[in-house]
């Protein structure tokens, strides 16, 4: 079941939800996005202690995957709350539900990634002493 789901999500045919064209672009539902993370990787490599990364606004988890390659633990904070920002196209209900489902599928078996589905201000209270 999981291998079939991965083929549908990340395969190389026209019915695939997510296609990687190269190391700089990705297509989700036939829309092309720039995803070059070279500068982000350079910053990550400068961090001496890579025990914990807290990511605010994970959406489908592209950066989360990158962080999980470098950090012992990644906490993703994203409430997936529709309409949180009228100027952000990603805040529509259907896009958020799809993003949340894709995130869950991508990380269902990754013990390094934990997701907290509350607004960032509320989540920050969990890290006051960190």
C-alpha atoms as a PDB file:
ATOM      1  CA  UNK A   1       0.000   0.000   0.000  1.00  0.00           C
ATOM      2  CA  UNK A   2       2.726   2.493   0.973  1.00  0.00           C
ATOM      3  CA  UNK A   3       4.831   1.725  -2.113  1.00  0.00           C
ATOM      4  CA  UNK A   4       1.784   2.310  -4.350  1.00  0.00           C
ATOM      5  CA  UNK A   5       1.054   5.567  -2.533  1.00  0.00           C
ATOM      6  CA  UNK A   6       4.669   6.680  -2.978  1.00  0.00           C
ATOM      7  CA  UNK A   7       4.455   5.933  -6.722  1.00  0.00           C
ATOM      8  CA  UNK A   8       1.308   8.043  -6.989  1.00  0.00           C
ATOM      9  CA  UNK A   9       2.755  10.888  -4.932  1.00  0.00           C
ATOM     10  CA  UNK A  10       6.371  10.914  -6.082  1.00  0.00           C
ATOM     11  CA  UNK A  11       6.422   8.894  -9.318  1.00  0.00           C
ATOM     12  CA  UNK A  12       7.392  10.022 -12.791  1.00  0.00           C
ATOM     13  CA  UNK A  13       4.147   9.894 -14.750  1.00  0.00           C
ATOM     14  CA  UNK A  14       1.442  12.428 -15.623  1.00  0.00           C
ATOM     15  CA  UNK A  15      -0.899  11.306 -12.835  1.00  0.00           C
ATOM     16  CA  UNK A  16       1.747  11.883 -10.159  1.00  0.00           C
ATOM     17  CA  UNK A  17       0.933  14.528  -7.542  1.00  0.00           C
ATOM     18  CA  UNK A  18       4.560  15.534  -6.944  1.00  0.00           C
ATOM     19  CA  UNK A  19       7.316  15.533  -9.594  1.00  0.00           C
ATOM     20  CA  UNK A  20      10.953  16.515  -9.084  1.00  0.00           C
ATOM     21  CA  UNK A  21      12.257  18.048 -12.310  1.00  0.00           C
ATOM     22  CA  UNK A  22      15.746  18.641 -11.012  1.00  0.00           C
ATOM     23  CA  UNK A  23      17.424  19.873  -7.843  1.00  0.00           C
ATOM     24  CA  UNK A  24      15.827  23.331  -8.132  1.00  0.00           C
ATOM     25  CA  UNK A  25      12.206  22.802  -9.155  1.00  0.00           C
ATOM     26  CA  UNK A  26       9.314  20.642  -8.041  1.00  0.00           C
ATOM     27  CA  UNK A  27       5.821  20.342  -9.482  1.00  0.00           C
ATOM     28  CA  UNK A  28       2.811  19.792  -7.244  1.00  0.00           C
ATOM     29  CA  UNK A  29      -0.495  19.212  -8.992  1.00  0.00           C
ATOM     30  CA  UNK A  30       0.967  20.579 -12.239  1.00  0.00           C
ATOM     31  CA  UNK A  31       2.205  23.828 -10.663  1.00  0.00           C
ATOM     32  CA  UNK A  32       5.986  24.417 -10.733  1.00  0.00           C
ATOM     33  CA  UNK A  33       7.754  25.676  -7.573  1.00  0.00           C
ATOM     34  CA  UNK A  34      11.327  26.777  -7.022  1.00  0.00           C
ATOM     35  CA  UNK A  35      12.881  24.765  -4.199  1.00  0.00           C
ATOM     36  CA  UNK A  36      16.653  25.268  -4.352  1.00  0.00           C
ATOM     37  CA  UNK A  37      17.882  24.943  -0.778  1.00  0.00           C
ATOM     38  CA  UNK A  38      21.594  25.600  -1.348  1.00  0.00           C
ATOM     39  CA  UNK A  39      21.707  28.733   0.842  1.00  0.00           C
ATOM     40  CA  UNK A  40      19.663  27.053   3.564  1.00  0.00           C
ATOM     41  CA  UNK A  41      22.034  24.080   3.601  1.00  0.00           C
ATOM     42  CA  UNK A  42      24.992  26.438   3.938  1.00  0.00           C
ATOM     43  CA  UNK A  43      23.356  28.023   7.004  1.00  0.00           C
ATOM     44  CA  UNK A  44      22.467  24.653   8.536  1.00  0.00           C
ATOM     45  CA  UNK A  45      26.038  23.450   8.163  1.00  0.00           C
ATOM     46  CA  UNK A  46      27.235  26.430  10.252  1.00  0.00           C
ATOM     47  CA  UNK A  47      25.101  25.383  13.242  1.00  0.00           C
ATOM     48  CA  UNK A  48      27.367  23.497  15.677  1.00  0.00           C
ATOM     49  CA  UNK A  49      24.655  21.792  17.764  1.00  0.00           C
ATOM     50  CA  UNK A  50      22.132  19.997  15.609  1.00  0.00           C
ATOM     51  CA  UNK A  51      19.991  18.415  18.331  1.00  0.00           C
ATOM     52  CA  UNK A  52      16.725  20.247  17.669  1.00  0.00           C
ATOM     53  CA  UNK A  53      15.155  22.277  14.857  1.00  0.00           C
ATOM     54  CA  UNK A  54      11.797  23.954  15.353  1.00  0.00           C
ATOM     55  CA  UNK A  55      10.191  24.801  12.030  1.00  0.00           C
ATOM     56  CA  UNK A  56       7.269  27.213  11.927  1.00  0.00           C
ATOM     57  CA  UNK A  57       5.078  26.834   8.859  1.00  0.00           C
ATOM     58  CA  UNK A  58       5.887  23.440   7.374  1.00  0.00           C
ATOM     59  CA  UNK A  59       3.124  23.110   4.790  1.00  0.00           C
ATOM     60  CA  UNK A  60       3.951  19.866   2.893  1.00  0.00           C
ATOM     61  CA  UNK A  61       7.324  19.419   4.576  1.00  0.00           C
ATOM     62  CA  UNK A  62       9.983  20.117   1.946  1.00  0.00           C
ATOM     63  CA  UNK A  63      12.206  21.998   4.388  1.00  0.00           C
ATOM     64  CA  UNK A  64      11.208  19.580   7.145  1.00  0.00           C
ATOM     65  CA  UNK A  65      12.760  16.734   5.143  1.00  0.00           C
ATOM     66  CA  UNK A  66      15.946  18.753   4.693  1.00  0.00           C
ATOM     67  CA  UNK A  67      16.080  19.542   8.419  1.00  0.00           C
ATOM     68  CA  UNK A  68      15.527  15.896   9.344  1.00  0.00           C
ATOM     69  CA  UNK A  69      18.640  15.011   7.338  1.00  0.00           C
ATOM     70  CA  UNK A  70      20.733  17.262   9.577  1.00  0.00           C
ATOM     71  CA  UNK A  71      19.042  17.440  12.988  1.00  0.00           C
ATOM     72  CA  UNK A  72      18.406  14.769  15.624  1.00  0.00           C
ATOM     73  CA  UNK A  73      14.818  15.997  16.059  1.00  0.00           C
ATOM     74  CA  UNK A  74      12.580  18.326  14.066  1.00  0.00           C
ATOM     75  CA  UNK A  75       9.420  19.825  15.522  1.00  0.00           C
ATOM     76  CA  UNK A  76       7.072  21.119  12.859  1.00  0.00           C
ATOM     77  CA  UNK A  77       4.573  23.770  13.893  1.00  0.00           C
ATOM     78  CA  UNK A  78       1.696  24.314  11.504  1.00  0.00           C
ATOM     79  CA  UNK A  79      -1.948  24.593  12.565  1.00  0.00           C
ATOM     80  CA  UNK A  80      -3.310  24.032   9.036  1.00  0.00           C
ATOM     81  CA  UNK A  81      -6.006  26.522   9.999  1.00  0.00           C
ATOM     82  CA  UNK A  82      -7.979  27.730   6.937  1.00  0.00           C
ATOM     83  CA  UNK A  83      -8.024  31.476   6.364  1.00  0.00           C
ATOM     84  CA  UNK A  84      -5.164  32.280   8.734  1.00  0.00           C
ATOM     85  CA  UNK A  85      -3.895  34.888   6.246  1.00  0.00           C
ATOM     86  CA  UNK A  86      -6.153  36.225   3.473  1.00  0.00           C
ATOM     87  CA  UNK A  87      -3.102  37.335   1.456  1.00  0.00           C
ATOM     88  CA  UNK A  88      -1.564  33.830   1.503  1.00  0.00           C
ATOM     89  CA  UNK A  89      -2.917  31.505  -1.188  1.00  0.00           C
ATOM     90  CA  UNK A  90      -1.865  28.510   0.890  1.00  0.00           C
ATOM     91  CA  UNK A  91      -4.360  29.391   3.596  1.00  0.00           C
ATOM     92  CA  UNK A  92      -7.351  28.188   1.605  1.00  0.00           C
ATOM     93  CA  UNK A  93      -9.107  25.173   3.111  1.00  0.00           C
ATOM     94  CA  UNK A  94      -8.517  22.748   0.219  1.00  0.00           C
ATOM     95  CA  UNK A  95      -4.820  23.573  -0.143  1.00  0.00           C
ATOM     96  CA  UNK A  96      -4.207  23.250   3.588  1.00  0.00           C
ATOM     97  CA  UNK A  97      -5.979  19.908   3.801  1.00  0.00           C
ATOM     98  CA  UNK A  98      -3.911  18.582   0.905  1.00  0.00           C
ATOM     99  CA  UNK A  99      -0.701  19.967   2.425  1.00  0.00           C
ATOM    100  CA  UNK A 100      -1.463  18.397   5.799  1.00  0.00           C
ATOM    101  CA  UNK A 101      -2.222  15.023   4.210  1.00  0.00           C
ATOM    102  CA  UNK A 102       0.979  15.131   2.156  1.00  0.00           C
ATOM    103  CA  UNK A 103       2.963  16.011   5.286  1.00  0.00           C
ATOM    104  CA  UNK A 104       1.472  13.087   7.224  1.00  0.00           C
ATOM    105  CA  UNK A 105       2.245  10.684   4.391  1.00  0.00           C
ATOM    106  CA  UNK A 106       5.820  11.919   4.011  1.00  0.00           C
ATOM    107  CA  UNK A 107       6.672  11.582   7.705  1.00  0.00           C
ATOM    108  CA  UNK A 108       4.438   8.780   8.988  1.00  0.00           C
ATOM    109  CA  UNK A 109       7.470   6.559   9.624  1.00  0.00           C
ATOM    110  CA  UNK A 110      10.074   9.191  10.559  1.00  0.00           C
ATOM    111  CA  UNK A 111      10.613   9.175  14.347  1.00  0.00           C
ATOM    112  CA  UNK A 112      12.772  12.311  14.096  1.00  0.00           C
ATOM    113  CA  UNK A 113       9.839  14.489  13.020  1.00  0.00           C
ATOM    114  CA  UNK A 114       7.057  15.600  15.357  1.00  0.00           C
ATOM    115  CA  UNK A 115       4.233  17.859  14.250  1.00  0.00           C
ATOM    116  CA  UNK A 116       2.344  20.252  16.506  1.00  0.00           C
ATOM    117  CA  UNK A 117      -0.915  21.510  15.000  1.00  0.00           C
ATOM    118  CA  UNK A 118      -1.428  24.759  16.875  1.00  0.00           C
ATOM    119  CA  UNK A 119      -0.661  28.417  16.011  1.00  0.00           C
ATOM    120  CA  UNK A 120       2.962  29.470  16.415  1.00  0.00           C
ATOM    121  CA  UNK A 121       2.280  31.927  19.266  1.00  0.00           C
ATOM    122  CA  UNK A 122       0.665  29.153  21.307  1.00  0.00           C
ATOM    123  CA  UNK A 123       3.425  26.683  20.376  1.00  0.00           C
ATOM    124  CA  UNK A 124       6.098  29.150  21.489  1.00  0.00           C
ATOM    125  CA  UNK A 125       4.876  28.689  25.057  1.00  0.00           C
ATOM    126  CA  UNK A 126       6.217  25.119  24.880  1.00  0.00           C
ATOM    127  CA  UNK A 127       9.733  26.441  24.303  1.00  0.00           C
ATOM    128  CA  UNK A 128       9.968  29.249  26.867  1.00  0.00           C
ATOM    129  CA  UNK A 129      12.724  27.516  28.821  1.00  0.00           C
ATOM    130  CA  UNK A 130      14.643  26.131  25.842  1.00  0.00           C
END
